[in-house]
PDB file of N, CA and C in Angstrom:
ATOM      1  N   MET A   1       0.494   8.054 -12.813  1.00  0.00           N
ATOM      2  CA  MET A   1      -0.312   8.527 -11.701  1.00  0.00           C
ATOM      3  C   MET A   1       0.613   9.087 -10.627  1.00  0.00           C
ATOM      4  N   GLU A   2       0.324  10.298 -10.192  1.00  0.00           N
ATOM      5  CA  GLU A   2       1.060  10.887  -9.079  1.00  0.00           C
ATOM      6  C   GLU A   2       0.433  10.389  -7.784  1.00  0.00           C
ATOM      7  N   ILE A   3       1.262   9.806  -6.921  1.00  0.00           N
ATOM      8  CA  ILE A   3       0.757   9.257  -5.663  1.00  0.00           C
ATOM      9  C   ILE A   3       1.047  10.236  -4.531  1.00  0.00           C
ATOM     10  N   ILE A   4       0.008  10.514  -3.768  1.00  0.00           N
ATOM     11  CA  ILE A   4       0.088  11.442  -2.647  1.00  0.00           C
ATOM     12  C   ILE A   4      -0.098  10.651  -1.357  1.00  0.00           C
ATOM     13  N   HIS A   5       0.747  10.948  -0.363  1.00  0.00           N
ATOM     14  CA  HIS A   5       0.611  10.309   0.946  1.00  0.00           C
ATOM     15  C   HIS A   5      -0.155  11.264   1.846  1.00  0.00           C
ATOM     16  N   ASP A   6      -1.363  10.898   2.196  1.00  0.00           N
ATOM     17  CA  ASP A   6      -2.196  11.695   3.100  1.00  0.00           C
ATOM     18  C   ASP A   6      -2.066  11.082   4.492  1.00  0.00           C
ATOM     19  N   GLU A   7      -1.131  11.614   5.273  1.00  0.00           N
ATOM     20  CA  GLU A   7      -0.841  11.041   6.583  1.00  0.00           C
ATOM     21  C   GLU A   7      -1.986  11.250   7.580  1.00  0.00           C
ATOM     22  N   GLU A   8      -2.773  12.305   7.413  1.00  0.00           N
ATOM     23  CA  GLU A   8      -3.909  12.520   8.310  1.00  0.00           C
ATOM     24  C   GLU A   8      -5.012  11.499   8.070  1.00  0.00           C
ATOM     25  N   ASP A   9      -5.237  11.155   6.803  1.00  0.00           N
ATOM     26  CA  ASP A   9      -6.302  10.218   6.446  1.00  0.00           C
ATOM     27  C   ASP A   9      -5.791   8.775   6.322  1.00  0.00           C
ATOM     28  N   LEU A  10      -4.497   8.556   6.623  1.00  0.00           N
ATOM     29  CA  LEU A  10      -3.872   7.232   6.609  1.00  0.00           C
ATOM     30  C   LEU A  10      -4.075   6.517   5.273  1.00  0.00           C
ATOM     31  N   ARG A  11      -3.614   7.160   4.201  1.00  0.00           N
ATOM     32  CA  ARG A  11      -3.745   6.541   2.887  1.00  0.00           C
ATOM     33  C   ARG A  11      -2.765   7.129   1.893  1.00  0.00           C
ATOM     34  N   PHE A  12      -2.501   6.343   0.875  1.00  0.00           N
ATOM     35  CA  PHE A  12      -1.785   6.773  -0.316  1.00  0.00           C
ATOM     36  C   PHE A  12      -2.837   6.792  -1.410  1.00  0.00           C
ATOM     37  N   TYR A  13      -2.858   7.838  -2.224  1.00  0.00           N
ATOM     38  CA  TYR A  13      -3.863   7.874  -3.273  1.00  0.00           C
ATOM     39  C   TYR A  13      -3.344   8.604  -4.507  1.00  0.00           C
ATOM     40  N   GLY A  14      -4.033   8.370  -5.604  1.00  0.00           N
ATOM     41  CA  GLY A  14      -3.726   9.048  -6.855  1.00  0.00           C
ATOM     42  C   GLY A  14      -5.005   9.247  -7.635  1.00  0.00           C
ATOM     43  N   MET A  15      -5.038  10.318  -8.418  1.00  0.00           N
ATOM     44  CA  MET A  15      -6.212  10.624  -9.228  1.00  0.00           C
ATOM     45  C   MET A  15      -6.075   9.950 -10.596  1.00  0.00           C
ATOM     46  N   LEU A  16      -7.168   9.334 -11.013  1.00  0.00           N
ATOM     47  CA  LEU A  16      -7.271   8.727 -12.339  1.00  0.00           C
ATOM     48  C   LEU A  16      -8.479   9.381 -13.005  1.00  0.00           C
ATOM     49  N   GLY A  17      -8.235  10.491 -13.657  1.00  0.00           N
ATOM     50  CA  GLY A  17      -9.345  11.284 -14.170  1.00  0.00           C
ATOM     51  C   GLY A  17     -10.085  11.893 -12.998  1.00  0.00           C
ATOM     52  N   LYS A  18     -11.382  11.625 -12.896  1.00  0.00           N
ATOM     53  CA  LYS A  18     -12.184  12.138 -11.780  1.00  0.00           C
ATOM     54  C   LYS A  18     -12.218  11.166 -10.610  1.00  0.00           C
ATOM     55  N   ASP A  19     -11.664   9.976 -10.784  1.00  0.00           N
ATOM     56  CA  ASP A  19     -11.713   8.936  -9.761  1.00  0.00           C
ATOM     57  C   ASP A  19     -10.390   8.826  -9.018  1.00  0.00           C
ATOM     58  N   GLU A  20     -10.466   8.229  -7.839  1.00  0.00           N
ATOM     59  CA  GLU A  20      -9.280   8.010  -7.013  1.00  0.00           C
ATOM     60  C   GLU A  20      -8.975   6.527  -6.892  1.00  0.00           C
ATOM     61  N   ALA A  21      -7.690   6.225  -6.897  1.00  0.00           N
ATOM     62  CA  ALA A  21      -7.199   4.900  -6.508  1.00  0.00           C
ATOM     63  C   ALA A  21      -6.529   5.116  -5.158  1.00  0.00           C
ATOM     64  N   GLU A  22      -6.647   4.139  -4.245  1.00  0.00           N
ATOM     65  CA  GLU A  22      -6.053   4.357  -2.927  1.00  0.00           C
ATOM     66  C   GLU A  22      -5.595   3.062  -2.276  1.00  0.00           C
ATOM     67  N   LEU A  23      -4.642   3.239  -1.377  1.00  0.00           N
ATOM     68  CA  LEU A  23      -4.165   2.189  -0.482  1.00  0.00           C
ATOM     69  C   LEU A  23      -4.293   2.768   0.918  1.00  0.00           C
ATOM     70  N   THR A  24      -5.090   2.107   1.772  1.00  0.00           N
ATOM     71  CA  THR A  24      -5.282   2.613   3.130  1.00  0.00           C
ATOM     72  C   THR A  24      -4.513   1.749   4.122  1.00  0.00           C
ATOM     73  N   TYR A  25      -4.253   2.339   5.280  1.00  0.00           N
ATOM     74  CA  TYR A  25      -3.506   1.628   6.320  1.00  0.00           C
ATOM     75  C   TYR A  25      -3.917   2.119   7.690  1.00  0.00           C
ATOM     76  N   THR A  26      -3.511   1.368   8.704  1.00  0.00           N
ATOM     77  CA  THR A  26      -3.660   1.761  10.099  1.00  0.00           C
ATOM     78  C   THR A  26      -2.326   1.517  10.793  1.00  0.00           C
ATOM     79  N   TYR A  27      -2.232   1.997  12.008  1.00  0.00           N
ATOM     80  CA  TYR A  27      -1.082   1.738  12.879  1.00  0.00           C
ATOM     81  C   TYR A  27      -1.582   0.914  14.067  1.00  0.00           C
ATOM     82  N   PRO A  28      -1.626  -0.424  13.952  1.00  0.00           N
ATOM     83  CA  PRO A  28      -2.159  -1.237  15.048  1.00  0.00           C
ATOM     84  C   PRO A  28      -1.281  -1.220  16.297  1.00  0.00           C
ATOM     85  N   GLU A  29      -0.007  -0.925  16.112  1.00  0.00           N
ATOM     86  CA  GLU A  29       0.912  -0.800  17.244  1.00  0.00           C
ATOM     87  C   GLU A  29       2.092   0.046  16.797  1.00  0.00           C
ATOM     88  N   SER A  30       2.879   0.487  17.730  1.00  0.00           N
ATOM     89  CA  SER A  30       4.015   1.336  17.424  1.00  0.00           C
ATOM     90  C   SER A  30       4.979   0.630  16.470  1.00  0.00           C
ATOM     91  N   GLY A  31       5.378   1.322  15.418  1.00  0.00           N
ATOM     92  CA  GLY A  31       6.345   0.778  14.480  1.00  0.00           C
ATOM     93  C   GLY A  31       5.780  -0.205  13.473  1.00  0.00           C
ATOM     94  N   VAL A  32       4.441  -0.289  13.384  1.00  0.00           N
ATOM     95  CA  VAL A  32       3.808  -1.252  12.473  1.00  0.00           C
ATOM     96  C   VAL A  32       2.740  -0.551  11.647  1.00  0.00           C
ATOM     97  N   MET A  33       2.773  -0.786  10.337  1.00  0.00           N
ATOM     98  CA  MET A  33       1.722  -0.310   9.430  1.00  0.00           C
ATOM     99  C   MET A  33       0.961  -1.524   8.920  1.00  0.00           C
ATOM    100  N   ASP A  34      -0.355  -1.488   9.032  1.00  0.00           N
ATOM    101  CA  ASP A  34      -1.212  -2.551   8.507  1.00  0.00           C
ATOM    102  C   ASP A  34      -1.877  -2.018   7.240  1.00  0.00           C
ATOM    103  N   PHE A  35      -1.439  -2.529   6.088  1.00  0.00           N
ATOM    104  CA  PHE A  35      -2.038  -2.141   4.810  1.00  0.00           C
ATOM    105  C   PHE A  35      -3.304  -2.968   4.644  1.00  0.00           C
ATOM    106  N   ASP A  36      -4.462  -2.303   4.776  1.00  0.00           N
ATOM    107  CA  ASP A  36      -5.707  -3.048   4.898  1.00  0.00           C
ATOM    108  C   ASP A  36      -6.653  -2.987   3.702  1.00  0.00           C
ATOM    109  N   HIS A  37      -6.428  -2.077   2.768  1.00  0.00           N
ATOM    110  CA  HIS A  37      -7.375  -1.990   1.649  1.00  0.00           C
ATOM    111  C   HIS A  37      -6.737  -1.285   0.452  1.00  0.00           C
ATOM    112  N   THR A  38      -6.939  -1.850  -0.721  1.00  0.00           N
ATOM    113  CA  THR A  38      -6.514  -1.224  -1.969  1.00  0.00           C
ATOM    114  C   THR A  38      -7.738  -1.108  -2.863  1.00  0.00           C
ATOM    115  N   PHE A  39      -7.897   0.060  -3.477  1.00  0.00           N
ATOM    116  CA  PHE A  39      -9.018   0.256  -4.388  1.00  0.00           C
ATOM    117  C   PHE A  39      -8.544   0.965  -5.649  1.00  0.00           C
ATOM    118  N   VAL A  40      -8.941   0.402  -6.796  1.00  0.00           N
ATOM    119  CA  VAL A  40      -8.722   1.033  -8.096  1.00  0.00           C
ATOM    120  C   VAL A  40     -10.077   1.016  -8.800  1.00  0.00           C
ATOM    121  N   PRO A  41     -10.520   2.159  -9.360  1.00  0.00           N
ATOM    122  CA  PRO A  41     -11.800   2.189 -10.057  1.00  0.00           C
ATOM    123  C   PRO A  41     -11.861   1.114 -11.148  1.00  0.00           C
ATOM    124  N   GLU A  42     -13.027   0.537 -11.310  1.00  0.00           N
ATOM    125  CA  GLU A  42     -13.203  -0.614 -12.203  1.00  0.00           C
ATOM    126  C   GLU A  42     -12.617  -0.396 -13.598  1.00  0.00           C
ATOM    127  N   GLY A  43     -12.848   0.738 -14.192  1.00  0.00           N
ATOM    128  CA  GLY A  43     -12.365   0.992 -15.548  1.00  0.00           C
ATOM    129  C   GLY A  43     -10.863   1.165 -15.648  1.00  0.00           C
ATOM    130  N   GLU A  44     -10.187   1.268 -14.521  1.00  0.00           N
ATOM    131  CA  GLU A  44      -8.733   1.487 -14.495  1.00  0.00           C
ATOM    132  C   GLU A  44      -7.956   0.281 -13.975  1.00  0.00           C
ATOM    133  N   ARG A  45      -8.646  -0.809 -13.734  1.00  0.00           N
ATOM    134  CA  ARG A  45      -7.980  -1.998 -13.181  1.00  0.00           C
ATOM    135  C   ARG A  45      -7.119  -2.684 -14.228  1.00  0.00           C
ATOM    136  N   ASN A  46      -6.174  -3.477 -13.740  1.00  0.00           N
ATOM    137  CA  ASN A  46      -5.249  -4.244 -14.586  1.00  0.00           C
ATOM    138  C   ASN A  46      -4.342  -3.355 -15.434  1.00  0.00           C
ATOM    139  N   LYS A  47      -4.051  -2.183 -14.911  1.00  0.00           N
ATOM    140  CA  LYS A  47      -3.139  -1.260 -15.596  1.00  0.00           C
ATOM    141  C   LYS A  47      -1.909  -0.953 -14.754  1.00  0.00           C
ATOM    142  N   GLY A  48      -1.768  -1.641 -13.613  1.00  0.00           N
ATOM    143  CA  GLY A  48      -0.594  -1.461 -12.766  1.00  0.00           C
ATOM    144  C   GLY A  48      -0.729  -0.409 -11.675  1.00  0.00           C
ATOM    145  N   TYR A  49      -1.890   0.225 -11.562  1.00  0.00           N
ATOM    146  CA  TYR A  49      -2.045   1.279 -10.551  1.00  0.00           C
ATOM    147  C   TYR A  49      -1.986   0.729  -9.131  1.00  0.00           C
ATOM    148  N   ALA A  50      -2.577  -0.421  -8.891  1.00  0.00           N
ATOM    149  CA  ALA A  50      -2.517  -1.018  -7.551  1.00  0.00           C
ATOM    150  C   ALA A  50      -1.073  -1.312  -7.171  1.00  0.00           C
ATOM    151  N   ASP A  51      -0.303  -1.850  -8.110  1.00  0.00           N
ATOM    152  CA  ASP A  51       1.108  -2.125  -7.841  1.00  0.00           C
ATOM    153  C   ASP A  51       1.865  -0.842  -7.494  1.00  0.00           C
ATOM    154  N   GLU A  52       1.574   0.244  -8.216  1.00  0.00           N
ATOM    155  CA  GLU A  52       2.236   1.524  -7.920  1.00  0.00           C
ATOM    156  C   GLU A  52       1.935   1.971  -6.497  1.00  0.00           C
ATOM    157  N   LEU A  53       0.674   1.866  -6.108  1.00  0.00           N
ATOM    158  CA  LEU A  53       0.284   2.264  -4.755  1.00  0.00           C
ATOM    159  C   LEU A  53       0.977   1.405  -3.705  1.00  0.00           C
ATOM    160  N   VAL A  54       0.952   0.093  -3.908  1.00  0.00           N
ATOM    161  CA  VAL A  54       1.551  -0.828  -2.937  1.00  0.00           C
ATOM    162  C   VAL A  54       3.049  -0.591  -2.829  1.00  0.00           C
ATOM    163  N   LYS A  55       3.735  -0.455  -3.962  1.00  0.00           N
ATOM    164  CA  LYS A  55       5.178  -0.220  -3.933  1.00  0.00           C
ATOM    165  C   LYS A  55       5.492   1.076  -3.181  1.00  0.00           C
ATOM    166  N   THR A  56       4.718   2.116  -3.430  1.00  0.00           N
ATOM    167  CA  THR A  56       4.938   3.384  -2.734  1.00  0.00           C
ATOM    168  C   THR A  56       4.740   3.214  -1.231  1.00  0.00           C
ATOM    169  N   GLY A  57       3.676   2.510  -0.837  1.00  0.00           N
ATOM    170  CA  GLY A  57       3.426   2.276   0.584  1.00  0.00           C
ATOM    171  C   GLY A  57       4.528   1.464   1.240  1.00  0.00           C
ATOM    172  N   LEU A  58       4.958   0.409   0.575  1.00  0.00           N
ATOM    173  CA  LEU A  58       6.011  -0.435   1.131  1.00  0.00           C
ATOM    174  C   LEU A  58       7.343   0.310   1.215  1.00  0.00           C
ATOM    175  N   ASP A  59       7.655   1.097   0.188  1.00  0.00           N
ATOM    176  CA  ASP A  59       8.891   1.875   0.230  1.00  0.00           C
ATOM    177  C   ASP A  59       8.855   2.899   1.356  1.00  0.00           C
ATOM    178  N   TYR A  60       7.691   3.510   1.582  1.00  0.00           N
ATOM    179  CA  TYR A  60       7.553   4.448   2.694  1.00  0.00           C
ATOM    180  C   TYR A  60       7.770   3.729   4.028  1.00  0.00           C
ATOM    181  N   ALA A  61       7.111   2.579   4.191  1.00  0.00           N
ATOM    182  CA  ALA A  61       7.261   1.811   5.434  1.00  0.00           C
ATOM    183  C   ALA A  61       8.724   1.480   5.686  1.00  0.00           C
ATOM    184  N   ARG A  62       9.410   1.025   4.646  1.00  0.00           N
ATOM    185  CA  ARG A  62      10.835   0.690   4.794  1.00  0.00           C
ATOM    186  C   ARG A  62      11.639   1.930   5.174  1.00  0.00           C
ATOM    187  N   SER A  63      11.379   3.056   4.538  1.00  0.00           N
ATOM    188  CA  SER A  63      12.153   4.275   4.810  1.00  0.00           C
ATOM    189  C   SER A  63      11.962   4.773   6.246  1.00  0.00           C
ATOM    190  N   GLN A  64      10.827   4.420   6.852  1.00  0.00           N
ATOM    191  CA  GLN A  64      10.534   4.825   8.222  1.00  0.00           C
ATOM    192  C   GLN A  64      10.843   3.725   9.238  1.00  0.00           C
ATOM    193  N   ASN A  65      11.434   2.632   8.767  1.00  0.00           N
ATOM    194  CA  ASN A  65      11.773   1.476   9.601  1.00  0.00           C
ATOM    195  C   ASN A  65      10.555   0.829  10.254  1.00  0.00           C
ATOM    196  N   TYR A  66       9.423   0.832   9.542  1.00  0.00           N
ATOM    197  CA  TYR A  66       8.221   0.155  10.016  1.00  0.00           C
ATOM    198  C   TYR A  66       8.222  -1.300   9.570  1.00  0.00           C
ATOM    199  N   GLN A  67       7.616  -2.145  10.373  1.00  0.00           N
ATOM    200  CA  GLN A  67       7.236  -3.487   9.946  1.00  0.00           C
ATOM    201  C   GLN A  67       5.848  -3.324   9.331  1.00  0.00           C
ATOM    202  N   ILE A  68       5.457  -4.235   8.451  1.00  0.00           N
ATOM    203  CA  ILE A  68       4.136  -4.112   7.851  1.00  0.00           C
ATOM    204  C   ILE A  68       3.333  -5.398   8.039  1.00  0.00           C
ATOM    205  N   VAL A  69       2.016  -5.223   8.025  1.00  0.00           N
ATOM    206  CA  VAL A  69       1.076  -6.333   8.039  1.00  0.00           C
ATOM    207  C   VAL A  69       0.298  -6.234   6.728  1.00  0.00           C
ATOM    208  N   PRO A  70       0.398  -7.246   5.857  1.00  0.00           N
ATOM    209  CA  PRO A  70      -0.295  -7.191   4.571  1.00  0.00           C
ATOM    210  C   PRO A  70      -1.715  -7.760   4.665  1.00  0.00           C
ATOM    211  N   SER A  71      -2.611  -7.068   5.380  1.00  0.00           N
ATOM    212  CA  SER A  71      -3.988  -7.545   5.538  1.00  0.00           C
ATOM    213  C   SER A  71      -4.746  -7.569   4.218  1.00  0.00           C
ATOM    214  N   CYS A  72      -4.446  -6.636   3.348  1.00  0.00           N
ATOM    215  CA  CYS A  72      -5.110  -6.571   2.041  1.00  0.00           C
ATOM    216  C   CYS A  72      -4.522  -7.645   1.118  1.00  0.00           C
ATOM    217  N   PRO A  73      -5.380  -8.436   0.461  1.00  0.00           N
ATOM    218  CA  PRO A  73      -4.880  -9.482  -0.444  1.00  0.00           C
ATOM    219  C   PRO A  73      -4.031  -8.943  -1.598  1.00  0.00           C
ATOM    220  N   VAL A  74      -4.288  -7.719  -2.023  1.00  0.00           N
ATOM    221  CA  VAL A  74      -3.487  -7.117  -3.103  1.00  0.00           C
ATOM    222  C   VAL A  74      -2.059  -6.895  -2.619  1.00  0.00           C
ATOM    223  N   VAL A  75      -1.906  -6.422  -1.392  1.00  0.00           N
ATOM    224  CA  VAL A  75      -0.578  -6.190  -0.814  1.00  0.00           C
ATOM    225  C   VAL A  75       0.132  -7.522  -0.603  1.00  0.00           C
ATOM    226  N   SER A  76      -0.567  -8.499  -0.086  1.00  0.00           N
ATOM    227  CA  SER A  76       0.004  -9.824   0.136  1.00  0.00           C
ATOM    228  C   SER A  76       0.497 -10.435  -1.177  1.00  0.00           C
ATOM    229  N   ALA A  77      -0.307 -10.334  -2.227  1.00  0.00           N
ATOM    230  CA  ALA A  77       0.079 -10.874  -3.538  1.00  0.00           C
ATOM    231  C   ALA A  77       1.290 -10.132  -4.094  1.00  0.00           C
ATOM    232  N   TYR A  78       1.355  -8.827  -3.897  1.00  0.00           N
ATOM    233  CA  TYR A  78       2.492  -8.036  -4.375  1.00  0.00           C
ATOM    234  C   TYR A  78       3.774  -8.510  -3.700  1.00  0.00           C
ATOM    235  N   ILE A  79       3.716  -8.726  -2.399  1.00  0.00           N
ATOM    236  CA  ILE A  79       4.908  -9.173  -1.666  1.00  0.00           C
ATOM    237  C   ILE A  79       5.345 -10.563  -2.139  1.00  0.00           C
ATOM    238  N   LYS A  80       4.410 -11.435  -2.460  1.00  0.00           N
ATOM    239  CA  LYS A  80       4.773 -12.753  -2.992  1.00  0.00           C
ATOM    240  C   LYS A  80       5.510 -12.622  -4.318  1.00  0.00           C
ATOM    241  N   ARG A  81       5.115 -11.642  -5.133  1.00  0.00           N
ATOM    242  CA  ARG A  81       5.779 -11.417  -6.425  1.00  0.00           C
ATOM    243  C   ARG A  81       7.082 -10.633  -6.278  1.00  0.00           C
ATOM    244  N   HIS A  82       7.240  -9.942  -5.149  1.00  0.00           N
ATOM    245  CA  HIS A  82       8.419  -9.098  -4.901  1.00  0.00           C
ATOM    246  C   HIS A  82       8.998  -9.446  -3.532  1.00  0.00           C
ATOM    247  N   PRO A  83       9.691 -10.578  -3.435  1.00  0.00           N
ATOM    248  CA  PRO A  83      10.173 -11.055  -2.135  1.00  0.00           C
ATOM    249  C   PRO A  83      11.180 -10.121  -1.458  1.00  0.00           C
ATOM    250  N   GLU A  84      11.659  -9.131  -2.173  1.00  0.00           N
ATOM    251  CA  GLU A  84      12.588  -8.178  -1.541  1.00  0.00           C
ATOM    252  C   GLU A  84      11.915  -7.376  -0.418  1.00  0.00           C
ATOM    253  N   TYR A  85      10.589  -7.461  -0.311  1.00  0.00           N
ATOM    254  CA  TYR A  85       9.872  -6.780   0.767  1.00  0.00           C
ATOM    255  C   TYR A  85       9.577  -7.692   1.947  1.00  0.00           C
ATOM    256  N   LYS A  86       9.883  -8.970   1.849  1.00  0.00           N
ATOM    257  CA  LYS A  86       9.554  -9.904   2.941  1.00  0.00           C
ATOM    258  C   LYS A  86      10.238  -9.542   4.255  1.00  0.00           C
ATOM    259  N   ASP A  87      11.376  -8.875   4.178  1.00  0.00           N
ATOM    260  CA  ASP A  87      12.106  -8.525   5.409  1.00  0.00           C
ATOM    261  C   ASP A  87      11.369  -7.503   6.266  1.00  0.00           C
ATOM    262  N   ILE A  88      10.396  -6.767   5.700  1.00  0.00           N
ATOM    263  CA  ILE A  88       9.677  -5.794   6.515  1.00  0.00           C
ATOM    264  C   ILE A  88       8.290  -6.314   6.949  1.00  0.00           C
ATOM    265  N   VAL A  89       7.948  -7.531   6.554  1.00  0.00           N
ATOM    266  CA  VAL A  89       6.671  -8.111   6.981  1.00  0.00           C
ATOM    267  C   VAL A  89       6.813  -8.558   8.428  1.00  0.00           C
ATOM    268  N   GLN A  90       5.870  -8.115   9.255  1.00  0.00           N
ATOM    269  CA  GLN A  90       5.900  -8.474  10.681  1.00  0.00           C
ATOM    270  C   GLN A  90       5.700  -9.980  10.824  1.00  0.00           C
ATOM    271  N   PRO A  91       6.570 -10.637  11.580  1.00  0.00           N
ATOM    272  CA  PRO A  91       6.378 -12.079  11.811  1.00  0.00           C
ATOM    273  C   PRO A  91       5.048 -12.340  12.519  1.00  0.00           C
ATOM    274  N   GLU A  92       4.420 -13.437  12.153  1.00  0.00           N
ATOM    275  CA  GLU A  92       3.116 -13.765  12.771  1.00  0.00           C
ATOM    276  C   GLU A  92       3.289 -14.366  14.144  1.00  0.00           C
TER     277      GLU A  92
END
């Protein structure tokens, strides 16, 4: 899946046939990205697409020196499995 960063619509997305998978975010404060929702069409779940989206979002945040808030449970679970991203999680 080719992942596109749509900065105007605040999301990362990719086409899966006619359907879209996406990771959305907001900027609750300067220098912080809140990853708030991940969606993969039902027939495409459990194929690693959510992980691809989350990794792309986290890598982008790191490259821009953003802290992140993992509001979406998919993002939170990904970070637990990939502790190398814990350094960019905003302290609570």
